[in-house]
Amino acid sequence: MVCATCGSADVSRDAWGDWDVAAQGWVVRTVFDSAHCHACDGETRIVALGD
């Protein structure tokens, strides 16, 4: 997965994490559409490499 603007793989998505009492760790509940590229330092669209 890479930034659609610059091709960097240094990208993040917004998500909700829930505490799992049994596992004593965080689990991802849902991932949102909002994405950020740390190389561009701004909002972006994330694409699969090769798409």
Protein backbone atom coordinates (compact mmCIF):
# COMPACT_ATOMS: atom_id res chain seq x y z
CA MET A 1 0.00 0.00 0.00
CA VAL A 2 1.43 3.37 -1.03
CA CYS A 3 0.51 7.05 -1.29
CA ALA A 4 -1.29 7.77 -4.56
CA THR A 5 0.53 11.11 -4.81
CA CYS A 6 4.20 10.29 -4.16
CA GLY A 7 4.39 6.48 -4.00
CA SER A 8 5.72 6.38 -0.43
CA ALA A 9 4.80 3.41 1.76
CA ASP A 10 5.02 5.67 4.86
CA VAL A 11 1.23 5.96 5.15
CA SER A 12 -1.37 5.72 7.94
CA ARG A 13 -5.14 5.26 8.18
CA ASP A 14 -7.57 6.34 10.88
CA ALA A 15 -9.03 3.43 12.82
CA TRP A 16 -10.82 2.45 16.02
CA GLY A 17 -9.04 0.12 18.39
CA ASP A 18 -10.83 -1.76 21.16
CA TRP A 19 -9.28 -3.21 24.29
CA ASP A 20 -9.61 -7.03 24.36
CA VAL A 21 -9.81 -8.00 28.04
CA ALA A 22 -9.18 -11.71 27.40
CA ALA A 23 -6.14 -11.10 25.17
CA GLN A 24 -4.98 -8.05 27.16
CA GLY A 25 -4.23 -6.16 23.96
CA TRP A 26 -5.67 -3.80 21.36
CA VAL A 27 -7.64 -5.12 18.39
CA VAL A 28 -8.69 -3.10 15.36
CA ARG A 29 -12.46 -2.67 15.22
CA THR A 30 -12.72 -0.70 11.99
CA VAL A 31 -10.49 1.20 9.55
CA PHE A 32 -11.75 4.48 8.08
CA ASP A 33 -11.24 5.95 4.60
CA SER A 34 -9.17 8.89 5.86
CA ALA A 35 -5.47 8.45 5.02
CA HIS A 36 -2.27 10.42 5.70
CA CYS A 37 1.10 10.29 3.94
CA HIS A 38 4.03 11.10 6.23
CA ALA A 39 6.33 11.76 3.24
CA CYS A 40 3.92 14.30 1.70
CA ASP A 41 2.80 15.37 5.20
CA GLY A 42 -0.81 15.53 4.16
CA GLU A 43 -4.08 13.80 3.37
CA THR A 44 -3.89 11.26 0.56
CA ARG A 45 -5.51 8.27 -1.06
CA ILE A 46 -3.80 4.93 -0.43
CA VAL A 47 -3.50 2.52 -3.35
CA ALA A 48 -2.16 -1.01 -3.69
CA LEU A 49 1.28 -1.05 -5.30
CA GLY A 50 0.85 -1.90 -8.96
CA ASP A 51 -2.76 -0.62 -9.22
